[in-house]
N, C-alpha and C. Protein backbone atom coordinates (compact mmCIF):
# COMPACT_ATOMS: atom_id res chain seq x y z
N UNK A 1 -62.44 -121.39 -17.23
CA UNK A 1 -63.00 -122.53 -16.54
C UNK A 1 -63.32 -123.61 -17.58
N UNK A 2 -62.84 -124.81 -17.34
CA UNK A 2 -63.02 -125.86 -18.34
C UNK A 2 -64.14 -126.82 -17.99
N UNK A 3 -63.97 -127.67 -16.98
CA UNK A 3 -64.97 -128.71 -16.72
C UNK A 3 -65.80 -128.50 -15.49
N UNK A 4 -65.68 -127.37 -14.83
CA UNK A 4 -66.40 -127.15 -13.58
C UNK A 4 -67.67 -126.36 -13.77
N UNK A 5 -68.01 -125.62 -12.73
CA UNK A 5 -69.22 -124.81 -12.75
C UNK A 5 -68.99 -123.57 -11.90
N UNK A 6 -69.83 -122.56 -12.09
CA UNK A 6 -69.76 -121.34 -11.30
C UNK A 6 -70.64 -121.48 -10.07
N UNK A 7 -70.15 -120.97 -8.96
CA UNK A 7 -70.92 -120.88 -7.74
C UNK A 7 -70.77 -119.45 -7.23
N UNK A 8 -71.30 -119.18 -6.06
CA UNK A 8 -71.26 -117.83 -5.50
C UNK A 8 -70.79 -117.90 -4.06
N UNK A 9 -69.93 -116.95 -3.68
CA UNK A 9 -69.56 -116.85 -2.27
C UNK A 9 -69.89 -115.45 -1.76
N UNK A 10 -70.32 -115.41 -0.52
CA UNK A 10 -70.59 -114.15 0.14
C UNK A 10 -69.29 -113.66 0.75
N UNK A 11 -69.00 -112.38 0.56
CA UNK A 11 -67.74 -111.82 1.05
C UNK A 11 -68.03 -110.67 2.01
N UNK A 12 -67.01 -110.28 2.76
CA UNK A 12 -67.16 -109.18 3.71
C UNK A 12 -67.51 -107.90 2.95
N UNK A 13 -68.29 -107.04 3.59
CA UNK A 13 -68.74 -105.80 2.98
C UNK A 13 -67.58 -104.97 2.47
N UNK A 14 -67.69 -104.54 1.22
CA UNK A 14 -66.68 -103.71 0.53
C UNK A 14 -65.32 -104.38 0.41
N UNK A 15 -65.26 -105.73 0.50
CA UNK A 15 -63.97 -106.42 0.42
C UNK A 15 -63.96 -107.44 -0.71
N UNK A 16 -64.69 -107.15 -1.78
CA UNK A 16 -64.72 -108.05 -2.92
C UNK A 16 -63.32 -108.23 -3.51
N UNK A 17 -62.54 -107.14 -3.61
CA UNK A 17 -61.18 -107.23 -4.18
C UNK A 17 -60.27 -108.08 -3.30
N UNK A 18 -60.37 -107.91 -1.99
CA UNK A 18 -59.52 -108.67 -1.06
C UNK A 18 -59.84 -110.16 -1.17
N UNK A 19 -61.13 -110.49 -1.12
CA UNK A 19 -61.53 -111.89 -1.20
C UNK A 19 -61.11 -112.49 -2.54
N UNK A 20 -61.30 -111.74 -3.62
CA UNK A 20 -60.92 -112.23 -4.94
C UNK A 20 -59.41 -112.49 -5.01
N UNK A 21 -58.63 -111.58 -4.46
CA UNK A 21 -57.17 -111.73 -4.45
C UNK A 21 -56.76 -113.02 -3.75
N UNK A 22 -57.29 -113.26 -2.56
CA UNK A 22 -56.89 -114.44 -1.81
C UNK A 22 -57.45 -115.73 -2.41
N UNK A 23 -58.63 -115.67 -3.02
CA UNK A 23 -59.15 -116.85 -3.71
C UNK A 23 -58.26 -117.20 -4.89
N UNK A 24 -57.80 -116.19 -5.62
CA UNK A 24 -56.89 -116.44 -6.75
C UNK A 24 -55.57 -117.03 -6.28
N UNK A 25 -55.06 -116.55 -5.12
CA UNK A 25 -53.84 -117.14 -4.57
C UNK A 25 -54.03 -118.61 -4.23
N UNK A 26 -55.27 -118.99 -3.88
CA UNK A 26 -55.57 -120.39 -3.57
C UNK A 26 -55.94 -121.19 -4.82
N UNK A 27 -55.82 -120.58 -6.00
CA UNK A 27 -56.04 -121.31 -7.24
C UNK A 27 -57.46 -121.27 -7.78
N UNK A 28 -58.30 -120.38 -7.27
CA UNK A 28 -59.68 -120.30 -7.74
C UNK A 28 -59.85 -119.14 -8.72
N UNK A 29 -60.60 -119.38 -9.77
CA UNK A 29 -60.96 -118.30 -10.70
C UNK A 29 -62.17 -117.58 -10.11
N UNK A 30 -62.14 -116.25 -10.13
CA UNK A 30 -63.27 -115.48 -9.60
C UNK A 30 -63.76 -114.49 -10.64
N UNK A 31 -64.96 -114.00 -10.41
CA UNK A 31 -65.51 -112.97 -11.29
C UNK A 31 -66.40 -112.06 -10.46
N UNK A 32 -66.09 -110.78 -10.50
CA UNK A 32 -66.86 -109.76 -9.79
C UNK A 32 -67.28 -108.71 -10.81
N UNK A 33 -68.46 -108.89 -11.43
CA UNK A 33 -68.88 -107.92 -12.44
C UNK A 33 -69.10 -106.54 -11.82
N UNK A 34 -68.76 -105.51 -12.57
CA UNK A 34 -68.91 -104.12 -12.11
C UNK A 34 -69.92 -103.40 -13.00
N UNK A 35 -70.63 -102.45 -12.40
CA UNK A 35 -71.57 -101.61 -13.14
C UNK A 35 -71.29 -100.15 -12.81
N UNK A 36 -71.75 -99.28 -13.68
CA UNK A 36 -71.65 -97.85 -13.40
C UNK A 36 -72.91 -97.46 -12.64
N UNK A 37 -72.70 -96.90 -11.46
CA UNK A 37 -73.82 -96.53 -10.60
C UNK A 37 -73.65 -95.07 -10.24
N UNK A 38 -74.52 -94.24 -10.79
CA UNK A 38 -74.39 -92.79 -10.66
C UNK A 38 -73.03 -92.37 -11.18
N UNK A 39 -72.13 -91.86 -10.32
CA UNK A 39 -70.82 -91.39 -10.81
C UNK A 39 -69.67 -92.29 -10.38
N UNK A 40 -69.95 -93.55 -10.07
CA UNK A 40 -68.89 -94.43 -9.63
C UNK A 40 -69.07 -95.83 -10.21
N UNK A 41 -68.00 -96.60 -10.15
CA UNK A 41 -68.04 -98.00 -10.58
C UNK A 41 -68.21 -98.83 -9.31
N UNK A 42 -69.19 -99.71 -9.31
CA UNK A 42 -69.51 -100.51 -8.12
C UNK A 42 -69.76 -101.96 -8.53
N UNK A 43 -69.62 -102.88 -7.57
CA UNK A 43 -69.95 -104.28 -7.88
C UNK A 43 -71.42 -104.41 -8.28
N UNK A 44 -71.67 -105.24 -9.26
CA UNK A 44 -73.03 -105.50 -9.70
C UNK A 44 -73.82 -106.21 -8.60
N UNK A 45 -73.13 -107.08 -7.86
CA UNK A 45 -73.72 -107.83 -6.77
C UNK A 45 -72.91 -107.55 -5.50
N UNK A 46 -73.17 -106.42 -4.82
CA UNK A 46 -72.35 -106.06 -3.65
C UNK A 46 -72.33 -107.19 -2.61
N UNK A 47 -71.12 -107.52 -2.15
CA UNK A 47 -70.96 -108.55 -1.12
C UNK A 47 -70.92 -109.97 -1.64
N UNK A 48 -70.86 -110.14 -2.97
CA UNK A 48 -70.84 -111.49 -3.54
C UNK A 48 -69.85 -111.56 -4.70
N UNK A 49 -69.26 -112.74 -4.87
CA UNK A 49 -68.36 -113.02 -5.99
C UNK A 49 -68.78 -114.34 -6.62
N UNK A 50 -68.60 -114.43 -7.93
CA UNK A 50 -68.72 -115.72 -8.59
C UNK A 50 -67.38 -116.42 -8.41
N UNK A 51 -67.40 -117.71 -8.14
CA UNK A 51 -66.17 -118.47 -8.01
C UNK A 51 -66.32 -119.77 -8.80
N UNK A 52 -65.30 -120.10 -9.59
CA UNK A 52 -65.34 -121.31 -10.42
C UNK A 52 -64.93 -122.50 -9.57
N UNK A 53 -65.74 -123.55 -9.61
CA UNK A 53 -65.47 -124.77 -8.87
C UNK A 53 -65.09 -125.85 -9.88
N UNK A 54 -63.87 -126.35 -9.74
CA UNK A 54 -63.41 -127.43 -10.63
C UNK A 54 -63.55 -128.79 -9.93
N UNK A 55 -62.89 -128.94 -8.81
CA UNK A 55 -62.97 -130.21 -8.08
C UNK A 55 -63.00 -129.96 -6.57
N UNK A 56 -62.08 -129.19 -6.08
CA UNK A 56 -62.03 -128.91 -4.64
C UNK A 56 -62.73 -127.59 -4.36
N UNK A 57 -63.34 -127.49 -3.17
CA UNK A 57 -64.01 -126.24 -2.85
C UNK A 57 -64.03 -125.92 -1.36
N UNK A 58 -63.61 -126.84 -0.51
CA UNK A 58 -63.67 -126.61 0.94
C UNK A 58 -62.85 -125.40 1.38
N UNK A 59 -61.73 -125.12 0.72
CA UNK A 59 -60.86 -124.01 1.11
C UNK A 59 -61.50 -122.64 0.91
N UNK A 60 -62.54 -122.55 0.10
CA UNK A 60 -63.16 -121.26 -0.18
C UNK A 60 -63.67 -120.61 1.10
N UNK A 61 -64.33 -121.36 1.94
CA UNK A 61 -64.90 -120.83 3.18
C UNK A 61 -63.88 -120.34 4.18
N UNK A 62 -62.63 -120.80 4.08
CA UNK A 62 -61.58 -120.38 5.00
C UNK A 62 -60.67 -119.30 4.41
N UNK A 63 -61.06 -118.74 3.27
CA UNK A 63 -60.24 -117.75 2.60
C UNK A 63 -60.49 -116.36 3.19
N UNK A 64 -59.43 -115.58 3.34
CA UNK A 64 -59.54 -114.23 3.88
C UNK A 64 -60.54 -113.43 3.06
N UNK A 65 -61.47 -112.77 3.74
CA UNK A 65 -62.47 -111.94 3.09
C UNK A 65 -63.76 -112.66 2.75
N UNK A 66 -63.74 -113.99 2.75
CA UNK A 66 -64.93 -114.77 2.41
C UNK A 66 -65.72 -115.07 3.68
N UNK A 67 -67.02 -114.83 3.64
CA UNK A 67 -67.89 -115.18 4.77
C UNK A 67 -68.33 -116.64 4.63
N UNK A 68 -68.84 -116.98 3.44
CA UNK A 68 -69.27 -118.36 3.22
C UNK A 68 -69.50 -118.61 1.74
N UNK A 69 -69.45 -119.86 1.37
CA UNK A 69 -69.81 -120.31 0.03
C UNK A 69 -71.29 -120.65 0.08
N UNK A 70 -72.06 -120.18 -0.87
CA UNK A 70 -73.48 -120.53 -0.89
C UNK A 70 -73.61 -121.99 -1.30
N UNK A 71 -74.39 -122.74 -0.54
CA UNK A 71 -74.52 -124.17 -0.78
C UNK A 71 -75.97 -124.56 -0.98
N UNK A 72 -76.15 -125.70 -1.61
CA UNK A 72 -77.45 -126.35 -1.76
C UNK A 72 -77.27 -127.73 -1.16
N UNK A 73 -77.72 -127.90 0.06
CA UNK A 73 -77.46 -129.14 0.77
C UNK A 73 -76.02 -129.16 1.24
N UNK A 74 -75.27 -130.18 0.84
CA UNK A 74 -73.88 -130.31 1.25
C UNK A 74 -72.89 -129.87 0.17
N UNK A 75 -73.38 -129.36 -0.95
CA UNK A 75 -72.51 -129.02 -2.07
C UNK A 75 -72.70 -127.56 -2.49
N UNK A 76 -71.70 -126.98 -3.14
CA UNK A 76 -71.84 -125.60 -3.59
C UNK A 76 -73.05 -125.43 -4.51
N UNK A 77 -73.79 -124.34 -4.31
CA UNK A 77 -74.92 -124.03 -5.19
C UNK A 77 -74.38 -123.68 -6.57
N UNK A 78 -74.98 -124.23 -7.59
CA UNK A 78 -74.53 -123.99 -8.96
C UNK A 78 -75.29 -122.82 -9.57
N UNK A 79 -74.54 -121.92 -10.21
CA UNK A 79 -75.16 -120.86 -10.99
C UNK A 79 -75.58 -121.49 -12.30
N UNK A 80 -76.81 -121.22 -12.72
CA UNK A 80 -77.32 -121.82 -13.95
C UNK A 80 -76.38 -121.55 -15.12
N UNK A 81 -76.16 -122.56 -15.96
CA UNK A 81 -75.26 -122.44 -17.12
C UNK A 81 -75.62 -121.23 -17.97
N UNK A 82 -74.59 -120.50 -18.36
CA UNK A 82 -74.76 -119.39 -19.27
C UNK A 82 -74.95 -118.03 -18.62
N UNK A 83 -75.29 -117.98 -17.35
CA UNK A 83 -75.54 -116.68 -16.71
C UNK A 83 -74.26 -115.87 -16.60
N UNK A 84 -73.18 -116.45 -16.07
CA UNK A 84 -71.92 -115.71 -15.93
C UNK A 84 -71.39 -115.32 -17.30
N UNK A 85 -71.47 -116.22 -18.25
CA UNK A 85 -70.99 -115.94 -19.59
C UNK A 85 -71.80 -114.80 -20.22
N UNK A 86 -73.12 -114.79 -19.98
CA UNK A 86 -73.98 -113.73 -20.51
C UNK A 86 -73.61 -112.37 -19.92
N UNK A 87 -73.29 -112.34 -18.63
CA UNK A 87 -72.88 -111.09 -17.98
C UNK A 87 -71.55 -110.63 -18.57
N UNK A 88 -70.61 -111.57 -18.75
CA UNK A 88 -69.30 -111.21 -19.31
C UNK A 88 -69.43 -110.64 -20.72
N UNK A 89 -70.37 -111.15 -21.51
CA UNK A 89 -70.56 -110.66 -22.87
C UNK A 89 -71.03 -109.21 -22.90
N UNK A 90 -71.65 -108.76 -21.84
CA UNK A 90 -72.14 -107.38 -21.76
C UNK A 90 -71.10 -106.40 -21.24
N UNK A 91 -69.90 -106.90 -20.94
CA UNK A 91 -68.84 -106.04 -20.41
C UNK A 91 -68.20 -105.21 -21.50
N UNK A 92 -67.90 -103.96 -21.16
CA UNK A 92 -67.18 -103.06 -22.04
C UNK A 92 -66.22 -102.27 -21.16
N UNK A 93 -64.92 -102.44 -21.38
CA UNK A 93 -63.89 -101.79 -20.55
C UNK A 93 -64.07 -102.11 -19.07
N UNK A 94 -64.39 -103.35 -18.76
CA UNK A 94 -64.50 -103.78 -17.37
C UNK A 94 -65.80 -103.41 -16.68
N UNK A 95 -66.74 -102.83 -17.41
CA UNK A 95 -68.02 -102.43 -16.83
C UNK A 95 -69.15 -103.10 -17.60
N UNK A 96 -70.06 -103.74 -16.88
CA UNK A 96 -71.19 -104.41 -17.52
C UNK A 96 -72.19 -103.35 -17.97
N UNK A 97 -72.54 -103.41 -19.24
CA UNK A 97 -73.52 -102.49 -19.79
C UNK A 97 -74.90 -103.11 -19.57
N UNK A 98 -75.65 -102.52 -18.66
CA UNK A 98 -76.98 -103.04 -18.38
C UNK A 98 -77.92 -102.68 -19.52
N UNK A 99 -78.83 -103.59 -19.82
CA UNK A 99 -79.76 -103.29 -20.91
C UNK A 99 -80.66 -102.11 -20.53
N UNK A 100 -81.11 -101.39 -21.53
CA UNK A 100 -82.03 -100.28 -21.28
C UNK A 100 -83.36 -100.81 -20.79
N UNK A 101 -84.18 -99.90 -20.39
CA UNK A 101 -85.52 -100.28 -19.92
C UNK A 101 -86.28 -100.97 -21.05
N UNK A 102 -86.92 -102.06 -20.76
CA UNK A 102 -87.78 -102.75 -21.70
C UNK A 102 -88.85 -103.46 -20.91
N UNK A 103 -89.86 -103.86 -21.56
CA UNK A 103 -90.93 -104.60 -20.90
C UNK A 103 -90.36 -105.92 -20.38
N UNK A 104 -90.57 -106.21 -19.12
CA UNK A 104 -90.04 -107.44 -18.54
C UNK A 104 -90.89 -108.62 -18.97
N UNK A 105 -90.21 -109.75 -19.13
CA UNK A 105 -90.90 -111.00 -19.47
C UNK A 105 -90.84 -111.95 -18.29
N UNK A 106 -91.81 -112.82 -18.19
CA UNK A 106 -91.85 -113.80 -17.11
C UNK A 106 -90.56 -114.62 -17.14
N UNK A 107 -89.91 -114.72 -15.98
CA UNK A 107 -88.67 -115.47 -15.87
C UNK A 107 -87.42 -114.62 -15.88
N UNK A 108 -87.52 -113.35 -16.33
CA UNK A 108 -86.36 -112.45 -16.33
C UNK A 108 -85.83 -112.30 -14.91
N UNK A 109 -84.50 -112.28 -14.77
CA UNK A 109 -83.88 -112.03 -13.47
C UNK A 109 -83.79 -110.52 -13.29
N UNK A 110 -84.29 -110.04 -12.16
CA UNK A 110 -84.29 -108.60 -11.87
C UNK A 110 -83.63 -108.35 -10.53
N UNK A 111 -83.16 -107.12 -10.35
CA UNK A 111 -82.63 -106.68 -9.06
C UNK A 111 -83.60 -105.64 -8.53
N UNK A 112 -83.97 -105.77 -7.27
CA UNK A 112 -84.84 -104.80 -6.62
C UNK A 112 -83.93 -103.69 -6.13
N UNK A 113 -84.19 -102.45 -6.56
CA UNK A 113 -83.26 -101.35 -6.30
C UNK A 113 -83.59 -100.53 -5.05
N UNK A 114 -84.82 -100.59 -4.56
CA UNK A 114 -85.20 -99.80 -3.38
C UNK A 114 -86.15 -100.60 -2.50
N UNK A 115 -86.32 -100.11 -1.27
CA UNK A 115 -87.28 -100.70 -0.36
C UNK A 115 -86.69 -101.78 0.51
N UNK A 116 -87.57 -102.55 1.14
CA UNK A 116 -87.15 -103.59 2.09
C UNK A 116 -86.30 -104.67 1.46
N UNK A 117 -86.49 -104.91 0.18
CA UNK A 117 -85.75 -105.97 -0.50
C UNK A 117 -84.66 -105.42 -1.42
N UNK A 118 -84.20 -104.19 -1.16
CA UNK A 118 -83.17 -103.56 -1.99
C UNK A 118 -81.96 -104.47 -2.13
N UNK A 119 -81.42 -104.55 -3.34
CA UNK A 119 -80.26 -105.36 -3.71
C UNK A 119 -80.54 -106.86 -3.69
N UNK A 120 -81.81 -107.24 -3.61
CA UNK A 120 -82.18 -108.65 -3.73
C UNK A 120 -82.44 -108.96 -5.19
N UNK A 121 -82.23 -110.21 -5.55
CA UNK A 121 -82.48 -110.66 -6.92
C UNK A 121 -83.69 -111.55 -6.92
N UNK A 122 -84.49 -111.44 -7.97
CA UNK A 122 -85.74 -112.19 -8.06
C UNK A 122 -86.02 -112.49 -9.52
N UNK A 123 -87.06 -113.28 -9.75
CA UNK A 123 -87.53 -113.55 -11.11
C UNK A 123 -88.84 -112.80 -11.30
N UNK A 124 -88.92 -112.08 -12.42
CA UNK A 124 -90.15 -111.36 -12.74
C UNK A 124 -91.23 -112.38 -13.02
N UNK A 125 -92.43 -112.17 -12.43
CA UNK A 125 -93.53 -113.10 -12.64
C UNK A 125 -94.62 -112.47 -13.50
N UNK A 126 -95.13 -111.29 -13.07
CA UNK A 126 -96.22 -110.66 -13.82
C UNK A 126 -96.43 -109.25 -13.31
N UNK A 127 -97.19 -108.48 -14.07
CA UNK A 127 -97.60 -107.16 -13.60
C UNK A 127 -98.70 -107.37 -12.55
N UNK A 128 -98.72 -106.48 -11.57
CA UNK A 128 -99.73 -106.57 -10.51
C UNK A 128 -100.40 -105.20 -10.40
N UNK A 129 -100.86 -104.70 -11.51
CA UNK A 129 -101.42 -103.37 -11.56
C UNK A 129 -100.61 -102.53 -12.54
N UNK A 130 -100.99 -101.27 -12.66
CA UNK A 130 -100.35 -100.41 -13.66
C UNK A 130 -98.89 -100.11 -13.34
N UNK A 131 -98.56 -99.87 -12.09
CA UNK A 131 -97.20 -99.48 -11.70
C UNK A 131 -96.54 -100.47 -10.75
N UNK A 132 -97.10 -101.66 -10.59
CA UNK A 132 -96.55 -102.63 -9.66
C UNK A 132 -96.29 -103.95 -10.37
N UNK A 133 -95.28 -104.66 -9.89
CA UNK A 133 -94.90 -105.94 -10.49
C UNK A 133 -94.83 -107.01 -9.41
N UNK A 134 -95.17 -108.22 -9.79
CA UNK A 134 -95.01 -109.35 -8.88
C UNK A 134 -93.73 -110.08 -9.28
N UNK A 135 -92.85 -110.27 -8.30
CA UNK A 135 -91.61 -111.00 -8.53
C UNK A 135 -91.56 -112.18 -7.59
N UNK A 136 -90.76 -113.18 -7.94
CA UNK A 136 -90.58 -114.36 -7.11
C UNK A 136 -89.21 -114.28 -6.47
N UNK A 137 -89.19 -114.18 -5.15
CA UNK A 137 -87.98 -113.98 -4.38
C UNK A 137 -87.65 -115.26 -3.63
N UNK A 138 -86.38 -115.69 -3.71
CA UNK A 138 -85.93 -116.88 -2.96
C UNK A 138 -85.60 -116.45 -1.55
N UNK A 139 -86.34 -116.95 -0.57
CA UNK A 139 -86.10 -116.61 0.83
C UNK A 139 -86.23 -117.86 1.69
N UNK A 140 -85.20 -118.12 2.48
CA UNK A 140 -85.22 -119.24 3.41
C UNK A 140 -85.58 -120.55 2.73
N UNK A 141 -85.04 -120.74 1.53
CA UNK A 141 -85.25 -121.99 0.82
C UNK A 141 -86.59 -122.10 0.12
N UNK A 142 -87.36 -121.02 0.09
CA UNK A 142 -88.67 -121.04 -0.56
C UNK A 142 -88.78 -119.91 -1.57
N UNK A 143 -89.66 -120.08 -2.52
CA UNK A 143 -89.95 -119.02 -3.48
C UNK A 143 -91.18 -118.28 -2.98
N UNK A 144 -91.01 -116.97 -2.75
CA UNK A 144 -92.09 -116.16 -2.21
C UNK A 144 -92.47 -115.07 -3.20
N UNK A 145 -93.78 -114.96 -3.52
CA UNK A 145 -94.20 -113.86 -4.39
C UNK A 145 -94.20 -112.55 -3.60
N UNK A 146 -93.65 -111.49 -4.20
CA UNK A 146 -93.57 -110.17 -3.57
C UNK A 146 -94.01 -109.15 -4.62
N UNK A 147 -94.82 -108.18 -4.20
CA UNK A 147 -95.25 -107.11 -5.11
C UNK A 147 -94.42 -105.87 -4.80
N UNK A 148 -93.79 -105.31 -5.84
CA UNK A 148 -92.94 -104.13 -5.69
C UNK A 148 -93.28 -103.13 -6.79
N UNK A 149 -92.96 -101.85 -6.58
CA UNK A 149 -93.17 -100.86 -7.64
C UNK A 149 -92.34 -101.22 -8.88
N UNK A 150 -92.95 -101.09 -10.03
CA UNK A 150 -92.27 -101.40 -11.30
C UNK A 150 -90.98 -100.60 -11.45
N UNK A 151 -90.99 -99.36 -10.97
CA UNK A 151 -89.81 -98.49 -11.09
C UNK A 151 -88.64 -98.97 -10.24
N UNK A 152 -88.88 -99.86 -9.28
CA UNK A 152 -87.83 -100.35 -8.39
C UNK A 152 -87.16 -101.62 -8.91
N UNK A 153 -87.45 -102.00 -10.15
CA UNK A 153 -86.85 -103.21 -10.73
C UNK A 153 -85.85 -102.83 -11.81
N UNK A 154 -84.75 -103.58 -11.84
CA UNK A 154 -83.71 -103.39 -12.84
C UNK A 154 -83.43 -104.75 -13.47
N UNK A 155 -83.50 -104.83 -14.78
CA UNK A 155 -83.25 -106.08 -15.48
C UNK A 155 -81.78 -106.48 -15.35
N UNK A 156 -81.52 -107.72 -14.94
CA UNK A 156 -80.16 -108.23 -14.83
C UNK A 156 -79.90 -109.25 -15.95
N UNK A 157 -80.83 -110.15 -16.15
CA UNK A 157 -80.66 -111.23 -17.13
C UNK A 157 -82.00 -111.51 -17.79
N UNK A 158 -82.07 -111.34 -19.09
CA UNK A 158 -83.30 -111.55 -19.82
C UNK A 158 -83.40 -112.98 -20.32
N UNK A 159 -84.58 -113.56 -20.19
CA UNK A 159 -84.80 -114.90 -20.75
C UNK A 159 -84.92 -114.76 -22.26
N UNK A 160 -84.65 -115.82 -22.95
CA UNK A 160 -84.75 -115.81 -24.42
C UNK A 160 -86.20 -115.56 -24.83
N UNK A 161 -86.38 -114.81 -25.88
CA UNK A 161 -87.74 -114.47 -26.35
C UNK A 161 -88.41 -115.64 -26.98
């Protein structure tokens, strides 16, 4: 990707490969990071793909396997600079090596692994007791503080120290 930006599209359940294939046929660069989960390789973000936006983007929503392009107003939502590149740097043989457990810092991007918000992404805010953490979850266009068990958080992207 040269002069554009990364965005995200929601795809049909378990059809990340299909959507990626058809997006590539339409001239779009895609990225679907994979992680090792128990004894299998699975998408890091099930049901979502990163898609590079150069100039045109309307065709993304009509592509086989794609449900919708995530938007902010009337334009594709932009993934913050460096996030996709940071994930790619952690890849080894096509699998993203997740960092080991470490103390979370305010602003770190985490994935909630269990409970009502399982597979949601949030920003770590603070500890809320010995075994609980407060995270900031984007819901319906708002940032909502949510308290979850510390053990249910997985670091996805660490902020610079």
